[in-house]
Amino acid sequence: MRLKYLFIVFLGIALFVSSNFTLSQTINNTAKASTTISGTTNITGEVGKIYTKAEADSLYGPVLKADTIKTDDLAKLAESSPKYMMFNLIEGKACILNASREVISSNSLVVSINQTIEPTQVFRLFSTSKVLELIKQGGSDVTTIETRANVLTLNNGDIILEL
């Protein structure tokens, strides 16, 4: 009887230690994951893919809302945001952020330049190099920020940038 009791106590202690180790590993891994997801510096490679207008229409559907920006102005904004740029339409007007989520261009009266956007506001991230590639390939004087069914695209000429 005493042997069974010692075995149960030993098993209980082993399970307790094991569960605490597993819990601490889970907490540690969760902290690492959130740091990787939230930090834009941890993004590697280029973000964005170039499509033709026909391909984008086929993959993502028709444009639902759009706003324009002069391509020259967009190229100047790209110079001030060397790695990444973020785009969204807020109340139908274009809003562009740098990698620090600071507004660098806005057509909206609701959002002002140098304002920091709330972390819960979703923007589409693109590599600045992909935005410049879009401008070069598209060749148009105007770039359009468009929303489609579930995506945001950039359009220059007959060239589309999306993830």
C-alpha atoms as a PDB file:
ATOM      1  CA  MET A   1       0.000   0.000   0.000  1.00  0.00           C
ATOM      2  CA  ARG A   2       2.785   2.369   0.917  1.00  0.00           C
ATOM      3  CA  LEU A   3       4.483   1.707  -2.416  1.00  0.00           C
ATOM      4  CA  LYS A   4       1.308   2.671  -4.306  1.00  0.00           C
ATOM      5  CA  TYR A   5       1.057   5.861  -2.266  1.00  0.00           C
ATOM      6  CA  LEU A   6       4.682   6.833  -3.050  1.00  0.00           C
ATOM      7  CA  PHE A   7       4.173   6.031  -6.706  1.00  0.00           C
ATOM      8  CA  ILE A   8       1.053   8.278  -6.894  1.00  0.00           C
ATOM      9  CA  VAL A   9       2.831  11.126  -5.075  1.00  0.00           C
ATOM     10  CA  PHE A  10       5.861  10.815  -7.367  1.00  0.00           C
ATOM     11  CA  LEU A  11       3.631  10.720 -10.458  1.00  0.00           C
ATOM     12  CA  GLY A  12       1.728  13.797  -9.243  1.00  0.00           C
ATOM     13  CA  ILE A  13       4.939  15.763  -8.695  1.00  0.00           C
ATOM     14  CA  ALA A  14       6.255  14.722 -12.119  1.00  0.00           C
ATOM     15  CA  LEU A  15       3.031  15.846 -13.819  1.00  0.00           C
ATOM     16  CA  PHE A  16       3.034  19.139 -11.931  1.00  0.00           C
ATOM     17  CA  VAL A  17       6.641  19.947 -12.925  1.00  0.00           C
ATOM     18  CA  SER A  18       5.973  18.876 -16.500  1.00  0.00           C
ATOM     19  CA  SER A  19       2.865  21.049 -16.850  1.00  0.00           C
ATOM     20  CA  ASN A  20       4.640  24.117 -15.442  1.00  0.00           C
ATOM     21  CA  PHE A  21       7.513  23.631 -17.898  1.00  0.00           C
ATOM     22  CA  THR A  22       5.078  23.294 -20.804  1.00  0.00           C
ATOM     23  CA  LEU A  23       3.146  26.390 -19.685  1.00  0.00           C
ATOM     24  CA  SER A  24       6.323  28.481 -19.424  1.00  0.00           C
ATOM     25  CA  GLN A  25       7.413  27.330 -22.903  1.00  0.00           C
ATOM     26  CA  THR A  26       3.999  28.274 -24.326  1.00  0.00           C
ATOM     27  CA  ILE A  27       4.129  31.730 -22.745  1.00  0.00           C
ATOM     28  CA  ASN A  28       7.684  32.254 -24.012  1.00  0.00           C
ATOM     29  CA  ASN A  29       6.790  31.156 -27.569  1.00  0.00           C
ATOM     30  CA  THR A  30       3.695  33.392 -27.590  1.00  0.00           C
ATOM     31  CA  ALA A  31       5.787  36.405 -26.590  1.00  0.00           C
ATOM     32  CA  LYS A  32       8.284  35.666 -29.365  1.00  0.00           C
ATOM     33  CA  ALA A  33       5.500  35.278 -31.957  1.00  0.00           C
ATOM     34  CA  SER A  34       3.816  38.562 -31.060  1.00  0.00           C
ATOM     35  CA  THR A  35       7.143  40.397 -31.275  1.00  0.00           C
ATOM     36  CA  THR A  36       7.758  38.965 -34.715  1.00  0.00           C
ATOM     37  CA  ILE A  37       4.273  39.821 -35.971  1.00  0.00           C
ATOM     38  CA  SER A  38       4.041  43.335 -34.566  1.00  0.00           C
ATOM     39  CA  GLY A  39       7.558  44.530 -35.457  1.00  0.00           C
ATOM     40  CA  THR A  40       7.818  45.748 -39.051  1.00  0.00           C
ATOM     41  CA  THR A  41      11.602  45.397 -38.835  1.00  0.00           C
ATOM     42  CA  ASN A  42      11.174  41.611 -38.758  1.00  0.00           C
ATOM     43  CA  ILE A  43       9.614  41.527 -42.235  1.00  0.00           C
ATOM     44  CA  THR A  44      12.033  40.123 -44.765  1.00  0.00           C
ATOM     45  CA  GLY A  45      11.935  40.241 -48.539  1.00  0.00           C
ATOM     46  CA  GLU A  46       9.724  42.277 -50.796  1.00  0.00           C
ATOM     47  CA  VAL A  47       6.032  42.674 -50.105  1.00  0.00           C
ATOM     48  CA  GLY A  48       3.776  42.935 -53.140  1.00  0.00           C
ATOM     49  CA  LYS A  49       3.254  41.364 -56.526  1.00  0.00           C
ATOM     50  CA  ILE A  50       2.776  42.987 -59.929  1.00  0.00           C
ATOM     51  CA  TYR A  51      -0.216  41.943 -62.071  1.00  0.00           C
ATOM     52  CA  THR A  52      -1.758  43.111 -65.301  1.00  0.00           C
ATOM     53  CA  LYS A  53      -5.129  44.819 -65.005  1.00  0.00           C
ATOM     54  CA  ALA A  54      -6.834  41.792 -66.589  1.00  0.00           C
ATOM     55  CA  GLU A  55      -5.195  39.398 -64.099  1.00  0.00           C
ATOM     56  CA  ALA A  56      -6.142  41.569 -61.120  1.00  0.00           C
ATOM     57  CA  ASP A  57      -9.746  41.899 -62.302  1.00  0.00           C
ATOM     58  CA  SER A  58      -9.940  38.130 -62.718  1.00  0.00           C
ATOM     59  CA  LEU A  59      -8.330  37.340 -59.337  1.00  0.00           C
ATOM     60  CA  TYR A  60      -9.777  40.096 -57.141  1.00  0.00           C
ATOM     61  CA  GLY A  61     -12.916  41.304 -58.900  1.00  0.00           C
ATOM     62  CA  PRO A  62     -13.942  44.809 -59.875  1.00  0.00           C
ATOM     63  CA  VAL A  63     -12.851  48.016 -58.171  1.00  0.00           C
ATOM     64  CA  LEU A  64     -15.387  49.091 -55.533  1.00  0.00           C
ATOM     65  CA  LYS A  65     -13.818  52.374 -54.333  1.00  0.00           C
ATOM     66  CA  ALA A  66     -10.808  54.358 -55.503  1.00  0.00           C
ATOM     67  CA  ASP A  67      -8.858  57.545 -54.976  1.00  0.00           C
ATOM     68  CA  THR A  68      -5.920  58.920 -56.935  1.00  0.00           C
ATOM     69  CA  ILE A  69      -2.554  60.471 -56.224  1.00  0.00           C
ATOM     70  CA  LYS A  70      -0.136  62.055 -58.688  1.00  0.00           C
ATOM     71  CA  THR A  71       2.563  59.535 -59.506  1.00  0.00           C
ATOM     72  CA  ASP A  72       5.289  62.163 -59.010  1.00  0.00           C
ATOM     73  CA  ASP A  73       3.969  62.812 -55.493  1.00  0.00           C
ATOM     74  CA  LEU A  74       3.933  59.074 -54.754  1.00  0.00           C
ATOM     75  CA  ALA A  75       7.542  58.756 -55.959  1.00  0.00           C
ATOM     76  CA  LYS A  76       8.576  61.595 -53.604  1.00  0.00           C
ATOM     77  CA  LEU A  77       6.787  59.858 -50.718  1.00  0.00           C
ATOM     78  CA  ALA A  78       8.668  56.663 -51.561  1.00  0.00           C
ATOM     79  CA  GLU A  79      11.954  58.539 -51.088  1.00  0.00           C
ATOM     80  CA  SER A  80      10.932  59.428 -47.527  1.00  0.00           C
ATOM     81  CA  SER A  81       9.915  55.847 -46.708  1.00  0.00           C
ATOM     82  CA  PRO A  82      12.831  53.685 -47.878  1.00  0.00           C
ATOM     83  CA  LYS A  83      11.590  50.194 -46.917  1.00  0.00           C
ATOM     84  CA  TYR A  84       7.815  50.000 -46.613  1.00  0.00           C
ATOM     85  CA  MET A  85       4.707  52.048 -47.295  1.00  0.00           C
ATOM     86  CA  MET A  86       1.169  51.393 -46.099  1.00  0.00           C
ATOM     87  CA  PHE A  87      -2.032  52.302 -47.925  1.00  0.00           C
ATOM     88  CA  ASN A  88      -5.730  52.505 -47.162  1.00  0.00           C
ATOM     89  CA  LEU A  89      -8.851  54.390 -48.153  1.00  0.00           C
ATOM     90  CA  ILE A  90     -10.422  56.197 -45.207  1.00  0.00           C
ATOM     91  CA  GLU A  91     -13.884  57.498 -45.967  1.00  0.00           C
ATOM     92  CA  GLY A  92     -13.069  57.006 -49.656  1.00  0.00           C
ATOM     93  CA  LYS A  93      -9.868  59.087 -49.528  1.00  0.00           C
ATOM     94  CA  ALA A  94      -6.290  57.843 -49.881  1.00  0.00           C
ATOM     95  CA  CYS A  95      -4.133  57.686 -46.780  1.00  0.00           C
ATOM     96  CA  ILE A  96      -0.465  56.638 -46.967  1.00  0.00           C
ATOM     97  CA  LEU A  97       1.751  55.769 -43.989  1.00  0.00           C
ATOM     98  CA  ASN A  98       5.448  55.134 -43.550  1.00  0.00           C
ATOM     99  CA  ALA A  99       6.841  52.058 -41.775  1.00  0.00           C
ATOM    100  CA  SER A 100       6.354  53.802 -38.402  1.00  0.00           C
ATOM    101  CA  ARG A 101       2.613  54.195 -39.105  1.00  0.00           C
ATOM    102  CA  GLU A 102       2.931  57.969 -39.427  1.00  0.00           C
ATOM    103  CA  VAL A 103       0.763  59.622 -42.064  1.00  0.00           C
ATOM    104  CA  ILE A 104       2.939  60.856 -44.925  1.00  0.00           C
ATOM    105  CA  SER A 105       0.108  61.674 -47.333  1.00  0.00           C
ATOM    106  CA  SER A 106      -3.605  62.061 -46.932  1.00  0.00           C
ATOM    107  CA  ASN A 107      -6.430  63.379 -49.083  1.00  0.00           C
ATOM    108  CA  SER A 108      -8.755  63.103 -46.102  1.00  0.00           C
ATOM    109  CA  LEU A 109      -9.920  65.887 -43.836  1.00  0.00           C
ATOM    110  CA  VAL A 110     -10.283  63.286 -41.079  1.00  0.00           C
ATOM    111  CA  VAL A 111      -6.613  62.236 -41.136  1.00  0.00           C
ATOM    112  CA  SER A 112      -3.819  64.818 -40.992  1.00  0.00           C
ATOM    113  CA  ILE A 113      -0.147  64.650 -41.994  1.00  0.00           C
ATOM    114  CA  ASN A 114       2.250  63.476 -39.232  1.00  0.00           C
ATOM    115  CA  GLN A 115      -0.651  61.922 -37.322  1.00  0.00           C
ATOM    116  CA  THR A 116       0.017  58.441 -35.939  1.00  0.00           C
ATOM    117  CA  ILE A 117      -2.747  55.990 -36.819  1.00  0.00           C
ATOM    118  CA  GLU A 118      -4.244  53.724 -34.159  1.00  0.00           C
ATOM    119  CA  PRO A 119      -2.734  50.204 -34.200  1.00  0.00           C
ATOM    120  CA  THR A 120      -6.186  48.691 -34.762  1.00  0.00           C
ATOM    121  CA  GLN A 121      -6.634  50.534 -38.095  1.00  0.00           C
ATOM    122  CA  VAL A 122      -5.698  48.086 -40.864  1.00  0.00           C
ATOM    123  CA  PHE A 123      -3.473  49.253 -43.729  1.00  0.00           C
ATOM    124  CA  ARG A 124      -2.006  47.336 -46.663  1.00  0.00           C
ATOM    125  CA  LEU A 125       1.799  47.082 -46.484  1.00  0.00           C
ATOM    126  CA  PHE A 126       3.942  47.132 -49.634  1.00  0.00           C
ATOM    127  CA  SER A 127       7.692  47.298 -50.120  1.00  0.00           C
ATOM    128  CA  THR A 128       8.724  50.713 -51.381  1.00  0.00           C
ATOM    129  CA  SER A 129      10.741  48.965 -54.093  1.00  0.00           C
ATOM    130  CA  LYS A 130       7.528  47.311 -55.374  1.00  0.00           C
ATOM    131  CA  VAL A 131       5.700  50.658 -55.392  1.00  0.00           C
ATOM    132  CA  LEU A 132       8.555  52.142 -57.462  1.00  0.00           C
ATOM    133  CA  GLU A 133       8.463  49.104 -59.781  1.00  0.00           C
ATOM    134  CA  LEU A 134       4.719  49.694 -60.286  1.00  0.00           C
ATOM    135  CA  ILE A 135       5.358  53.354 -61.144  1.00  0.00           C
ATOM    136  CA  LYS A 136       8.120  52.456 -63.602  1.00  0.00           C
ATOM    137  CA  GLN A 137       6.162  49.703 -65.373  1.00  0.00           C
ATOM    138  CA  GLY A 138       2.849  51.560 -65.384  1.00  0.00           C
ATOM    139  CA  GLY A 139       4.138  54.830 -66.810  1.00  0.00           C
ATOM    140  CA  SER A 140       0.983  56.790 -65.906  1.00  0.00           C
ATOM    141  CA  ASP A 141       0.912  60.296 -64.372  1.00  0.00           C
ATOM    142  CA  VAL A 142      -1.716  59.103 -61.860  1.00  0.00           C
ATOM    143  CA  THR A 143      -1.669  56.185 -59.434  1.00  0.00           C
ATOM    144  CA  THR A 144      -4.946  54.884 -58.050  1.00  0.00           C
ATOM    145  CA  ILE A 145      -5.459  53.320 -54.627  1.00  0.00           C
ATOM    146  CA  GLU A 146      -8.346  50.876 -55.060  1.00  0.00           C
ATOM    147  CA  THR A 147     -10.395  48.617 -52.863  1.00  0.00           C
ATOM    148  CA  ARG A 148     -11.809  45.440 -54.309  1.00  0.00           C
ATOM    149  CA  ALA A 149     -13.856  42.693 -52.617  1.00  0.00           C
ATOM    150  CA  ASN A 150     -11.283  41.733 -49.956  1.00  0.00           C
ATOM    151  CA  VAL A 151      -8.101  43.471 -51.067  1.00  0.00           C
ATOM    152  CA  LEU A 152      -6.503  46.849 -51.627  1.00  0.00           C
ATOM    153  CA  THR A 153      -4.595  47.341 -54.870  1.00  0.00           C
ATOM    154  CA  LEU A 154      -2.464  50.087 -56.386  1.00  0.00           C
ATOM    155  CA  ASN A 155      -2.991  50.817 -60.073  1.00  0.00           C
ATOM    156  CA  ASN A 156      -0.683  52.664 -62.438  1.00  0.00           C
ATOM    157  CA  GLY A 157      -1.571  52.445 -66.121  1.00  0.00           C
ATOM    158  CA  ASP A 158      -2.495  48.836 -66.821  1.00  0.00           C
ATOM    159  CA  ILE A 159      -0.290  47.510 -64.009  1.00  0.00           C
ATOM    160  CA  ILE A 160      -1.642  46.503 -60.567  1.00  0.00           C
ATOM    161  CA  LEU A 161       0.235  45.953 -57.284  1.00  0.00           C
ATOM    162  CA  GLU A 162      -1.263  43.583 -54.712  1.00  0.00           C
ATOM    163  CA  LEU A 163      -0.020  40.979 -52.245  1.00  0.00           C
END
